[in-house]
């Protein structure tokens, strides 16, 4: 399990939302003084595939999901307090079966 932050201080937040899959996945970009970038978002029930440029860490802060990395056949369960890493220039499918999954995506 990871130690998840409850807030970020000294950051800039983009007010324009990143909206995917007809609003079923929504995030906002957070930029840090050291040029690090994260997104904070919500995933509604469904199955969604994302491509990656840079490597990413998806930390689940509320709810639960199943994630399948490109090239893998078995989905891994991920609940609040857990994370999964996705290689750069790859992708993953994330599935939420009920409720809302909240996440922090860090670009590594």
Protein backbone atom coordinates (compact mmCIF):
# COMPACT_ATOMS: atom_id res chain seq x y z
CA UNK A 1 0.00 0.00 0.00
CA UNK A 2 1.13 3.53 -0.64
CA UNK A 3 0.80 6.55 1.62
CA UNK A 4 -1.57 8.78 -0.33
CA UNK A 5 -1.64 12.55 0.08
CA UNK A 6 -4.86 14.21 1.17
CA UNK A 7 -3.90 17.55 -0.38
CA UNK A 8 -1.23 19.27 -2.45
CA UNK A 9 0.10 22.73 -1.57
CA UNK A 10 1.92 25.27 -3.71
CA UNK A 11 0.61 23.90 -7.01
CA UNK A 12 -1.07 25.23 -10.13
CA UNK A 13 -4.28 23.56 -11.29
CA UNK A 14 -5.56 23.75 -14.86
CA UNK A 15 -9.21 24.76 -14.69
CA UNK A 16 -10.13 23.06 -17.98
CA UNK A 17 -11.06 19.45 -17.31
CA UNK A 18 -9.71 16.51 -19.29
CA UNK A 19 -12.90 14.72 -20.35
CA UNK A 20 -12.82 11.22 -21.85
CA UNK A 21 -15.40 8.64 -22.91
CA UNK A 22 -18.38 11.04 -22.96
CA UNK A 23 -17.67 12.26 -19.45
CA UNK A 24 -17.24 8.83 -17.86
CA UNK A 25 -13.61 9.68 -17.02
CA UNK A 26 -12.77 13.24 -15.93
CA UNK A 27 -9.54 14.66 -14.54
CA UNK A 28 -7.78 17.94 -13.81
CA UNK A 29 -4.06 18.55 -14.31
CA UNK A 30 -1.95 19.64 -11.34
CA UNK A 31 1.49 21.17 -11.95
CA UNK A 32 4.15 21.32 -9.24
CA UNK A 33 6.95 23.89 -8.78
CA UNK A 34 9.55 21.25 -9.75
CA UNK A 35 7.71 20.77 -13.11
CA UNK A 36 6.20 17.43 -12.03
CA UNK A 37 2.70 16.83 -13.35
CA UNK A 38 -0.17 14.77 -11.99
CA UNK A 39 -3.83 14.42 -12.80
CA UNK A 40 -6.62 13.94 -10.27
CA UNK A 41 -9.72 12.26 -11.57
CA UNK A 42 -12.90 10.25 -11.38
CA UNK A 43 -13.82 7.10 -13.28
CA UNK A 44 -17.46 6.08 -13.54
CA UNK A 45 -18.54 2.46 -14.11
CA UNK A 46 -17.37 1.00 -17.41
CA UNK A 47 -14.26 -0.24 -19.19
CA UNK A 48 -11.81 2.25 -20.70
CA UNK A 49 -8.51 1.91 -22.54
CA UNK A 50 -5.77 4.53 -22.29
CA UNK A 51 -2.45 4.86 -24.12
CA UNK A 52 0.62 6.20 -22.32
CA UNK A 53 3.45 8.38 -23.50
CA UNK A 54 5.48 8.67 -20.31
CA UNK A 55 5.44 5.98 -17.62
CA UNK A 56 2.56 6.50 -15.17
CA UNK A 57 1.63 5.51 -11.64
CA UNK A 58 -2.11 5.22 -10.98
CA UNK A 59 -2.89 5.55 -7.27
CA UNK A 60 -6.45 4.73 -6.25
CA UNK A 61 -7.67 7.11 -3.55
CA UNK A 62 -11.31 5.95 -3.31
CA UNK A 63 -13.36 3.12 -4.76
CA UNK A 64 -11.89 0.22 -6.67
CA UNK A 65 -11.05 -0.95 -10.16
CA UNK A 66 -9.43 -3.69 -12.20
CA UNK A 67 -6.50 -2.80 -14.43
CA UNK A 68 -5.00 -4.79 -17.28
CA UNK A 69 -1.73 -3.56 -18.74
CA UNK A 70 -1.25 -3.91 -22.48
CA UNK A 71 0.30 -7.30 -23.21
CA UNK A 72 -1.07 -8.88 -20.03
CA UNK A 73 -4.06 -11.21 -19.85
CA UNK A 74 -4.88 -11.04 -16.15
CA UNK A 75 -6.49 -7.97 -14.59
CA UNK A 76 -5.19 -6.82 -11.24
CA UNK A 77 -7.63 -5.61 -8.58
CA UNK A 78 -6.79 -2.23 -7.14
CA UNK A 79 -8.60 -0.61 -4.20
CA UNK A 80 -8.17 2.64 -2.25
CA UNK A 81 -4.59 2.92 -1.01
CA UNK A 82 -3.15 0.76 -3.79
CA UNK A 83 -1.47 1.62 -7.07
CA UNK A 84 -0.30 0.16 -10.36
CA UNK A 85 2.46 1.32 -12.70
CA UNK A 86 2.17 1.54 -16.47
CA UNK A 87 5.23 1.61 -18.75
CA UNK A 88 5.73 4.49 -21.17
CA UNK A 89 4.60 4.10 -24.78
CA UNK A 90 2.15 1.42 -23.69
CA UNK A 91 -1.40 1.39 -22.40
CA UNK A 92 -3.89 -0.12 -20.01
CA UNK A 93 -7.55 -0.93 -19.64
CA UNK A 94 -9.25 0.16 -16.44
CA UNK A 95 -12.60 -1.26 -15.40
CA UNK A 96 -14.92 0.03 -12.70
CA UNK A 97 -17.86 -2.21 -11.93
CA UNK A 98 -19.75 0.03 -9.51
CA UNK A 99 -19.51 3.33 -7.73
CA UNK A 100 -16.88 5.90 -8.61
CA UNK A 101 -13.13 5.25 -8.62
CA UNK A 102 -11.01 8.28 -7.69
CA UNK A 103 -7.33 8.40 -8.66
CA UNK A 104 -4.08 10.32 -8.76
CA UNK A 105 -2.05 9.73 -11.91
CA UNK A 106 1.64 10.64 -11.61
CA UNK A 107 3.76 10.97 -14.73
CA UNK A 108 7.08 9.34 -13.89
